[in-house]
Amino acid sequence: MDAKRMDQIKTNLESKDTAELLEIWKTNDREAYSDEAFEAIKLLLGDRSVALPPQSTHAPKEKSVKKQYADYKEVPWHRRSSMNSIFILISFLSGGFIPLTFWTCINLLTGDVYYKDAYDKNGNLKTWSSGNKVAAVIILLLNIVILGFVLIR
C-alpha cells in the first residue's frame, strides 16, 4: 500500500464526523470506496478511540457502468492524463499535422481520463472535468468546420 496515497485518503476522510465514518464502515460498499479508504477509516476510528462495528457482507452490483480506479497502474494507457497531455502537445507542436488532439477529444468523450496522483474523497483517482469534455466538443466542431472548408475548396 502506498503510504503517500494512504495519507491523502486519510486526510480527505478526516473531515467526516465519526457517525458518518461508522456508517461507511458498516455499509461496506466496496464499489463506492476503495480498500485503502476502508483502511484509512479503520485508522481514523482507532485514532478517535471508537470500536469497529461488524461490517455488512458486501455484495457487488451486477455490473458497474463506470470503472473506478484507485491505482494509476490499472488505468489503460489511453485513459491516462499524461498520455493525453502528450498527444495534445504533439498535435499543437506539429501545427495540427499530427492530429492526436482528435484522439484525445474522442477518448475524453467516450470515457474518463484519469490524473496520476489526485484522489477523490472515496480514494479513487480523479478524472478530467466536464469542462474538459465541453472543450473537447468545441475543438472537434472547430476542426470539422475547418476540414469542411478545406475540402470544399
N, C-alpha and C. Protein backbone atom coordinates (compact mmCIF):
# COMPACT_ATOMS: atom_id res chain seq x y z
N MET A 1 0.85 -1.18 0.00
CA MET A 1 0.00 0.00 0.00
C MET A 1 0.89 1.25 0.00
N ASP A 2 0.58 2.19 -0.85
CA ASP A 2 1.35 3.41 -1.00
C ASP A 2 1.07 4.35 0.19
N ALA A 3 2.11 4.67 0.94
CA ALA A 3 1.95 5.49 2.15
C ALA A 3 1.46 6.90 1.82
N LYS A 4 1.97 7.49 0.73
CA LYS A 4 1.56 8.84 0.33
C LYS A 4 0.07 8.87 0.00
N ARG A 5 -0.35 7.87 -0.74
CA ARG A 5 -1.75 7.78 -1.13
C ARG A 5 -2.63 7.56 0.09
N MET A 6 -2.16 6.69 0.98
CA MET A 6 -2.90 6.40 2.20
C MET A 6 -3.08 7.66 3.04
N ASP A 7 -2.02 8.46 3.17
CA ASP A 7 -2.10 9.72 3.92
C ASP A 7 -3.09 10.67 3.27
N GLN A 8 -3.09 10.72 1.93
CA GLN A 8 -4.01 11.61 1.22
C GLN A 8 -5.46 11.19 1.44
N ILE A 9 -5.72 9.90 1.36
CA ILE A 9 -7.08 9.40 1.58
C ILE A 9 -7.51 9.68 3.02
N LYS A 10 -6.61 9.44 3.95
CA LYS A 10 -6.92 9.67 5.37
C LYS A 10 -7.22 11.15 5.61
N THR A 11 -6.43 12.03 5.00
CA THR A 11 -6.66 13.47 5.13
C THR A 11 -8.03 13.85 4.57
N ASN A 12 -8.40 13.27 3.44
CA ASN A 12 -9.70 13.57 2.83
C ASN A 12 -10.86 13.10 3.71
N LEU A 13 -10.66 11.99 4.41
CA LEU A 13 -11.74 11.43 5.23
C LEU A 13 -11.81 12.03 6.64
N GLU A 14 -10.75 12.72 7.07
CA GLU A 14 -10.71 13.29 8.43
C GLU A 14 -11.83 14.28 8.69
N SER A 15 -12.30 14.95 7.65
CA SER A 15 -13.34 15.97 7.84
C SER A 15 -14.71 15.36 8.13
N LYS A 16 -14.87 14.07 7.86
CA LYS A 16 -16.15 13.41 8.14
C LYS A 16 -16.28 13.16 9.64
N ASP A 17 -17.52 13.31 10.13
CA ASP A 17 -17.70 13.05 11.55
C ASP A 17 -17.72 11.54 11.81
N THR A 18 -17.60 11.18 13.06
CA THR A 18 -17.48 9.78 13.46
C THR A 18 -18.69 8.96 13.02
N ALA A 19 -19.88 9.52 13.14
CA ALA A 19 -21.10 8.80 12.76
C ALA A 19 -21.08 8.45 11.27
N GLU A 20 -20.62 9.39 10.45
CA GLU A 20 -20.56 9.15 9.01
C GLU A 20 -19.52 8.07 8.68
N LEU A 21 -18.37 8.14 9.34
CA LEU A 21 -17.34 7.12 9.12
C LEU A 21 -17.83 5.74 9.54
N LEU A 22 -18.55 5.69 10.67
CA LEU A 22 -19.10 4.41 11.13
C LEU A 22 -20.11 3.85 10.13
N GLU A 23 -20.91 4.72 9.58
CA GLU A 23 -21.91 4.28 8.59
C GLU A 23 -21.23 3.73 7.34
N ILE A 24 -20.21 4.42 6.87
CA ILE A 24 -19.45 3.93 5.70
C ILE A 24 -18.83 2.57 6.04
N TRP A 25 -18.26 2.46 7.23
CA TRP A 25 -17.61 1.22 7.65
C TRP A 25 -18.63 0.07 7.69
N LYS A 26 -19.79 0.31 8.32
CA LYS A 26 -20.80 -0.74 8.47
C LYS A 26 -21.40 -1.14 7.11
N THR A 27 -21.65 -0.16 6.26
CA THR A 27 -22.26 -0.44 4.96
C THR A 27 -21.34 -1.27 4.09
N ASN A 28 -20.02 -1.01 4.17
CA ASN A 28 -19.00 -1.80 3.47
C ASN A 28 -19.22 -1.81 1.95
N ASP A 29 -19.52 -0.65 1.39
CA ASP A 29 -19.74 -0.54 -0.05
C ASP A 29 -18.38 -0.43 -0.76
N ARG A 30 -17.88 -1.54 -1.23
CA ARG A 30 -16.55 -1.61 -1.85
C ARG A 30 -16.53 -1.07 -3.27
N GLU A 31 -17.71 -0.74 -3.80
CA GLU A 31 -17.74 -0.11 -5.11
C GLU A 31 -17.68 1.41 -5.00
N ALA A 32 -18.12 1.92 -3.87
CA ALA A 32 -18.07 3.36 -3.65
C ALA A 32 -16.75 3.78 -3.01
N TYR A 33 -16.16 2.88 -2.22
CA TYR A 33 -14.93 3.20 -1.50
C TYR A 33 -13.89 2.11 -1.75
N SER A 34 -12.65 2.53 -1.89
CA SER A 34 -11.56 1.59 -2.14
C SER A 34 -11.16 0.87 -0.85
N ASP A 35 -10.38 -0.20 -1.01
CA ASP A 35 -9.86 -0.92 0.16
C ASP A 35 -9.01 0.02 1.02
N GLU A 36 -8.26 0.91 0.36
CA GLU A 36 -7.43 1.87 1.08
C GLU A 36 -8.28 2.84 1.89
N ALA A 37 -9.45 3.21 1.35
CA ALA A 37 -10.35 4.10 2.08
C ALA A 37 -10.85 3.42 3.36
N PHE A 38 -11.16 2.12 3.26
CA PHE A 38 -11.60 1.40 4.46
C PHE A 38 -10.47 1.28 5.48
N GLU A 39 -9.26 1.10 4.99
CA GLU A 39 -8.11 1.05 5.90
C GLU A 39 -7.93 2.41 6.59
N ALA A 40 -8.11 3.49 5.83
CA ALA A 40 -7.99 4.84 6.40
C ALA A 40 -9.10 5.08 7.43
N ILE A 41 -10.31 4.64 7.13
CA ILE A 41 -11.43 4.78 8.08
C ILE A 41 -11.12 4.01 9.36
N LYS A 42 -10.57 2.80 9.22
CA LYS A 42 -10.20 1.99 10.38
C LYS A 42 -9.18 2.73 11.25
N LEU A 43 -8.18 3.35 10.61
CA LEU A 43 -7.17 4.10 11.34
C LEU A 43 -7.77 5.34 12.03
N LEU A 44 -8.64 6.07 11.30
CA LEU A 44 -9.26 7.27 11.86
C LEU A 44 -10.14 6.92 13.07
N LEU A 45 -10.93 5.87 12.93
CA LEU A 45 -11.78 5.48 14.05
C LEU A 45 -10.94 5.00 15.23
N GLY A 46 -9.83 4.35 14.94
CA GLY A 46 -8.91 3.96 16.02
C GLY A 46 -8.32 5.17 16.71
N ASP A 47 -7.95 6.20 15.91
CA ASP A 47 -7.43 7.44 16.49
C ASP A 47 -8.48 8.13 17.37
N ARG A 48 -9.75 7.93 17.04
CA ARG A 48 -10.84 8.54 17.80
C ARG A 48 -11.32 7.62 18.93
N SER A 49 -10.62 6.54 19.15
CA SER A 49 -10.95 5.56 20.20
C SER A 49 -12.36 5.00 20.05
N VAL A 50 -12.74 4.70 18.81
CA VAL A 50 -14.05 4.14 18.52
C VAL A 50 -13.88 2.68 18.13
N ALA A 51 -14.66 1.81 18.78
CA ALA A 51 -14.61 0.38 18.45
C ALA A 51 -15.25 0.16 17.09
N LEU A 52 -14.65 -0.71 16.32
CA LEU A 52 -15.17 -1.00 14.98
C LEU A 52 -16.35 -1.98 15.06
N PRO A 53 -17.52 -1.57 14.54
CA PRO A 53 -18.66 -2.49 14.50
C PRO A 53 -18.47 -3.49 13.35
N PRO A 54 -19.23 -4.57 13.34
CA PRO A 54 -19.11 -5.51 12.22
C PRO A 54 -19.58 -4.85 10.92
N GLN A 55 -18.97 -5.29 9.83
CA GLN A 55 -19.34 -4.77 8.51
C GLN A 55 -20.36 -5.70 7.88
N SER A 56 -21.24 -5.11 7.08
CA SER A 56 -22.19 -5.95 6.35
C SER A 56 -21.43 -6.70 5.26
N THR A 57 -22.00 -7.81 4.85
CA THR A 57 -21.38 -8.58 3.77
C THR A 57 -21.56 -7.79 2.48
N HIS A 58 -20.46 -7.57 1.83
CA HIS A 58 -20.51 -6.77 0.61
C HIS A 58 -20.92 -7.66 -0.56
N ALA A 59 -22.01 -7.26 -1.21
CA ALA A 59 -22.45 -7.96 -2.42
C ALA A 59 -22.27 -7.00 -3.58
N PRO A 60 -21.32 -7.27 -4.47
CA PRO A 60 -21.11 -6.36 -5.59
C PRO A 60 -22.32 -6.30 -6.51
N LYS A 61 -22.49 -5.15 -7.11
CA LYS A 61 -23.58 -4.96 -8.06
C LYS A 61 -23.33 -5.84 -9.28
N GLU A 62 -24.39 -6.07 -10.04
CA GLU A 62 -24.28 -6.89 -11.24
C GLU A 62 -23.13 -6.44 -12.12
N LYS A 63 -23.20 -5.19 -12.53
CA LYS A 63 -22.14 -4.66 -13.38
C LYS A 63 -22.07 -3.16 -13.16
N SER A 64 -20.89 -2.69 -12.90
CA SER A 64 -20.68 -1.26 -12.70
C SER A 64 -20.57 -0.58 -14.06
N VAL A 65 -21.30 0.49 -14.25
CA VAL A 65 -21.28 1.20 -15.52
C VAL A 65 -19.95 1.93 -15.69
N LYS A 66 -19.47 2.53 -14.63
CA LYS A 66 -18.24 3.32 -14.69
C LYS A 66 -17.17 2.67 -13.83
N LYS A 67 -16.06 2.37 -14.44
CA LYS A 67 -14.94 1.77 -13.71
C LYS A 67 -14.25 2.84 -12.88
N GLN A 68 -14.06 2.56 -11.62
CA GLN A 68 -13.33 3.45 -10.73
C GLN A 68 -11.94 2.87 -10.51
N TYR A 69 -10.94 3.69 -10.66
CA TYR A 69 -9.57 3.24 -10.45
C TYR A 69 -9.01 3.87 -9.19
N ALA A 70 -8.37 3.04 -8.37
CA ALA A 70 -7.70 3.54 -7.17
C ALA A 70 -6.18 3.55 -7.39
N ASP A 71 -5.72 2.81 -8.38
CA ASP A 71 -4.30 2.70 -8.67
C ASP A 71 -4.05 3.08 -10.12
N TYR A 72 -3.16 4.04 -10.32
CA TYR A 72 -2.86 4.55 -11.67
C TYR A 72 -2.32 3.46 -12.59
N LYS A 73 -1.69 2.46 -12.01
CA LYS A 73 -1.14 1.36 -12.81
C LYS A 73 -2.24 0.55 -13.48
N GLU A 74 -3.45 0.58 -12.94
CA GLU A 74 -4.57 -0.16 -13.50
C GLU A 74 -5.22 0.58 -14.68
N VAL A 75 -4.97 1.88 -14.78
CA VAL A 75 -5.61 2.69 -15.82
C VAL A 75 -5.01 2.34 -17.18
N PRO A 76 -5.86 2.04 -18.19
CA PRO A 76 -5.32 1.76 -19.53
C PRO A 76 -4.52 2.96 -20.04
N TRP A 77 -3.50 2.72 -20.83
CA TRP A 77 -2.58 3.78 -21.28
C TRP A 77 -3.32 4.92 -21.96
N HIS A 78 -4.36 4.62 -22.71
CA HIS A 78 -5.07 5.67 -23.45
C HIS A 78 -6.01 6.49 -22.58
N ARG A 79 -6.19 6.09 -21.32
CA ARG A 79 -7.03 6.84 -20.38
C ARG A 79 -6.21 7.62 -19.36
N ARG A 80 -4.90 7.64 -19.53
CA ARG A 80 -4.03 8.35 -18.59
C ARG A 80 -3.88 9.81 -19.00
N SER A 81 -3.93 10.69 -18.01
CA SER A 81 -3.80 12.13 -18.25
C SER A 81 -2.48 12.47 -18.92
N SER A 82 -1.40 11.87 -18.45
CA SER A 82 -0.08 12.19 -19.01
C SER A 82 -0.02 11.87 -20.50
N MET A 83 -0.56 10.73 -20.91
CA MET A 83 -0.52 10.34 -22.32
C MET A 83 -1.36 11.29 -23.18
N ASN A 84 -2.54 11.64 -22.70
CA ASN A 84 -3.40 12.54 -23.46
C ASN A 84 -2.83 13.95 -23.52
N SER A 85 -2.15 14.38 -22.47
CA SER A 85 -1.49 15.69 -22.50
C SER A 85 -0.36 15.70 -23.53
N ILE A 86 0.37 14.60 -23.61
CA ILE A 86 1.44 14.48 -24.61
C ILE A 86 0.85 14.52 -26.02
N PHE A 87 -0.27 13.83 -26.22
CA PHE A 87 -0.94 13.84 -27.53
C PHE A 87 -1.31 15.26 -27.95
N ILE A 88 -1.87 16.02 -27.01
CA ILE A 88 -2.27 17.40 -27.32
C ILE A 88 -1.04 18.24 -27.63
N LEU A 89 0.01 18.09 -26.86
CA LEU A 89 1.24 18.85 -27.08
C LEU A 89 1.84 18.54 -28.46
N ILE A 90 1.92 17.27 -28.81
CA ILE A 90 2.46 16.87 -30.12
C ILE A 90 1.62 17.46 -31.24
N SER A 91 0.32 17.43 -31.07
CA SER A 91 -0.58 17.97 -32.09
C SER A 91 -0.36 19.47 -32.28
N PHE A 92 -0.26 20.20 -31.17
CA PHE A 92 -0.05 21.64 -31.27
C PHE A 92 1.33 21.97 -31.84
N LEU A 93 2.35 21.24 -31.40
CA LEU A 93 3.71 21.50 -31.89
C LEU A 93 3.86 21.18 -33.38
N SER A 94 3.06 20.23 -33.86
CA SER A 94 3.12 19.89 -35.29
C SER A 94 2.18 20.77 -36.11
N GLY A 95 1.56 21.73 -35.48
CA GLY A 95 0.63 22.61 -36.20
C GLY A 95 -0.62 21.87 -36.65
N GLY A 96 -0.95 20.81 -35.97
CA GLY A 96 -2.13 20.01 -36.32
C GLY A 96 -1.85 18.96 -37.37
N PHE A 97 -0.62 18.92 -37.87
CA PHE A 97 -0.27 17.94 -38.90
C PHE A 97 -0.42 16.52 -38.36
N ILE A 98 -0.07 16.32 -37.10
CA ILE A 98 -0.29 15.03 -36.44
C ILE A 98 -1.54 15.21 -35.56
N PRO A 99 -2.68 14.71 -36.02
CA PRO A 99 -3.96 15.03 -35.38
C PRO A 99 -4.26 14.22 -34.12
N LEU A 100 -3.37 14.23 -33.16
CA LEU A 100 -3.59 13.47 -31.93
C LEU A 100 -4.62 14.14 -31.01
N THR A 101 -4.91 15.42 -31.26
CA THR A 101 -5.94 16.08 -30.46
C THR A 101 -7.29 15.41 -30.70
N PHE A 102 -7.51 14.94 -31.94
CA PHE A 102 -8.74 14.20 -32.22
C PHE A 102 -8.85 12.98 -31.32
N TRP A 103 -7.73 12.26 -31.19
CA TRP A 103 -7.71 11.06 -30.35
C TRP A 103 -8.13 11.41 -28.93
N THR A 104 -7.52 12.47 -28.39
CA THR A 104 -7.82 12.86 -27.02
C THR A 104 -9.27 13.28 -26.86
N CYS A 105 -9.78 14.05 -27.82
CA CYS A 105 -11.18 14.50 -27.75
C CYS A 105 -12.14 13.32 -27.78
N ILE A 106 -11.93 12.41 -28.71
CA ILE A 106 -12.80 11.24 -28.81
C ILE A 106 -12.65 10.37 -27.56
N ASN A 107 -11.43 10.20 -27.11
CA ASN A 107 -11.16 9.42 -25.90
C ASN A 107 -11.90 10.02 -24.70
N LEU A 108 -11.84 11.33 -24.58
CA LEU A 108 -12.48 12.02 -23.46
C LEU A 108 -14.00 11.93 -23.54
N LEU A 109 -14.53 11.97 -24.75
CA LEU A 109 -15.98 11.93 -24.91
C LEU A 109 -16.55 10.51 -24.76
N THR A 110 -15.68 9.51 -24.85
CA THR A 110 -16.16 8.13 -24.72
C THR A 110 -15.87 7.52 -23.35
N GLY A 111 -15.25 8.29 -22.48
CA GLY A 111 -14.95 7.79 -21.14
C GLY A 111 -14.16 8.82 -20.36
N ASP A 112 -13.58 8.38 -19.26
CA ASP A 112 -12.83 9.29 -18.41
C ASP A 112 -11.34 9.21 -18.68
N VAL A 113 -10.66 10.33 -18.39
CA VAL A 113 -9.21 10.40 -18.43
C VAL A 113 -8.79 10.68 -16.98
N TYR A 114 -7.85 9.88 -16.46
CA TYR A 114 -7.52 9.88 -15.04
C TYR A 114 -6.19 10.58 -14.75
N TYR A 115 -6.19 11.38 -13.67
CA TYR A 115 -4.97 12.01 -13.17
C TYR A 115 -4.14 10.98 -12.41
N LYS A 116 -2.84 11.21 -12.34
CA LYS A 116 -1.95 10.23 -11.71
C LYS A 116 -2.01 10.25 -10.18
N ASP A 117 -1.82 11.39 -9.57
CA ASP A 117 -1.69 11.44 -8.12
C ASP A 117 -2.76 12.29 -7.45
N ALA A 118 -3.96 12.29 -8.01
CA ALA A 118 -5.05 13.07 -7.43
C ALA A 118 -6.19 12.10 -7.12
N TYR A 119 -6.67 12.15 -5.88
CA TYR A 119 -7.70 11.21 -5.45
C TYR A 119 -8.92 11.96 -4.96
N ASP A 120 -10.10 11.37 -5.18
CA ASP A 120 -11.32 11.96 -4.66
C ASP A 120 -11.51 11.53 -3.20
N LYS A 121 -12.59 11.95 -2.60
CA LYS A 121 -12.82 11.66 -1.19
C LYS A 121 -13.01 10.18 -0.90
N ASN A 122 -13.31 9.39 -1.94
CA ASN A 122 -13.51 7.95 -1.77
C ASN A 122 -12.25 7.15 -2.03
N GLY A 123 -11.16 7.84 -2.34
CA GLY A 123 -9.90 7.14 -2.57
C GLY A 123 -9.69 6.70 -4.01
N ASN A 124 -10.56 7.14 -4.92
CA ASN A 124 -10.42 6.80 -6.33
C ASN A 124 -9.71 7.94 -7.06
N LEU A 125 -9.06 7.60 -8.17
CA LEU A 125 -8.37 8.63 -8.94
C LEU A 125 -9.36 9.65 -9.48
N LYS A 126 -8.96 10.92 -9.46
CA LYS A 126 -9.80 11.97 -10.04
C LYS A 126 -9.70 11.90 -11.56
N THR A 127 -10.72 12.43 -12.19
CA THR A 127 -10.78 12.43 -13.66
C THR A 127 -10.84 13.86 -14.18
N TRP A 128 -10.56 13.98 -15.48
CA TRP A 128 -10.69 15.29 -16.10
C TRP A 128 -12.14 15.74 -15.95
N SER A 129 -12.34 17.04 -15.82
CA SER A 129 -13.66 17.58 -15.51
C SER A 129 -14.58 17.62 -16.73
N SER A 130 -15.83 17.96 -16.45
CA SER A 130 -16.80 18.11 -17.54
C SER A 130 -16.43 19.31 -18.41
N GLY A 131 -15.70 20.28 -17.85
CA GLY A 131 -15.21 21.41 -18.65
C GLY A 131 -14.28 20.95 -19.76
N ASN A 132 -13.48 19.92 -19.45
CA ASN A 132 -12.61 19.34 -20.47
C ASN A 132 -13.44 18.70 -21.58
N LYS A 133 -14.55 18.09 -21.22
CA LYS A 133 -15.43 17.46 -22.22
C LYS A 133 -16.07 18.52 -23.11
N VAL A 134 -16.46 19.64 -22.52
CA VAL A 134 -17.02 20.74 -23.31
C VAL A 134 -15.97 21.27 -24.28
N ALA A 135 -14.75 21.45 -23.79
CA ALA A 135 -13.65 21.90 -24.64
C ALA A 135 -13.39 20.90 -25.77
N ALA A 136 -13.50 19.61 -25.47
CA ALA A 136 -13.29 18.58 -26.49
C ALA A 136 -14.34 18.69 -27.60
N VAL A 137 -15.59 18.93 -27.22
CA VAL A 137 -16.65 19.10 -28.22
C VAL A 137 -16.38 20.33 -29.09
N ILE A 138 -16.00 21.43 -28.46
CA ILE A 138 -15.71 22.66 -29.21
C ILE A 138 -14.55 22.44 -30.17
N ILE A 139 -13.48 21.81 -29.69
CA ILE A 139 -12.31 21.54 -30.54
C ILE A 139 -12.70 20.65 -31.71
N LEU A 140 -13.48 19.61 -31.44
CA LEU A 140 -13.90 18.73 -32.54
C LEU A 140 -14.76 19.46 -33.56
N LEU A 141 -15.70 20.28 -33.08
CA LEU A 141 -16.56 21.03 -34.00
C LEU A 141 -15.75 22.01 -34.84
N LEU A 142 -14.81 22.71 -34.20
CA LEU A 142 -13.97 23.64 -34.95
C LEU A 142 -13.14 22.92 -36.01
N ASN A 143 -12.59 21.78 -35.65
CA ASN A 143 -11.80 21.01 -36.61
C ASN A 143 -12.65 20.48 -37.76
N ILE A 144 -13.87 20.08 -37.47
CA ILE A 144 -14.77 19.60 -38.52
C ILE A 144 -15.12 20.75 -39.48
N VAL A 145 -15.39 21.92 -38.92
CA VAL A 145 -15.71 23.10 -39.76
C VAL A 145 -14.50 23.45 -40.63
N ILE A 146 -13.33 23.50 -40.05
CA ILE A 146 -12.11 23.84 -40.82
C ILE A 146 -11.85 22.79 -41.88
N LEU A 147 -12.01 21.53 -41.53
CA LEU A 147 -11.81 20.45 -42.50
C LEU A 147 -12.83 20.56 -43.64
N GLY A 148 -14.06 20.94 -43.29
CA GLY A 148 -15.10 21.13 -44.30
C GLY A 148 -14.71 22.24 -45.28
N PHE A 149 -14.21 23.36 -44.79
CA PHE A 149 -13.79 24.46 -45.67
C PHE A 149 -12.63 24.05 -46.56
N VAL A 150 -11.70 23.30 -46.02
CA VAL A 150 -10.54 22.85 -46.80
C VAL A 150 -10.99 21.90 -47.91
N LEU A 151 -11.90 21.01 -47.60
CA LEU A 151 -12.35 20.03 -48.60
C LEU A 151 -13.23 20.64 -49.67
N ILE A 152 -13.97 21.70 -49.34
CA ILE A 152 -14.85 22.36 -50.31
C ILE A 152 -14.02 23.11 -51.35
N ARG A 153 -12.90 23.66 -50.95
CA ARG A 153 -12.06 24.44 -51.88
C ARG A 153 -11.53 23.57 -52.90
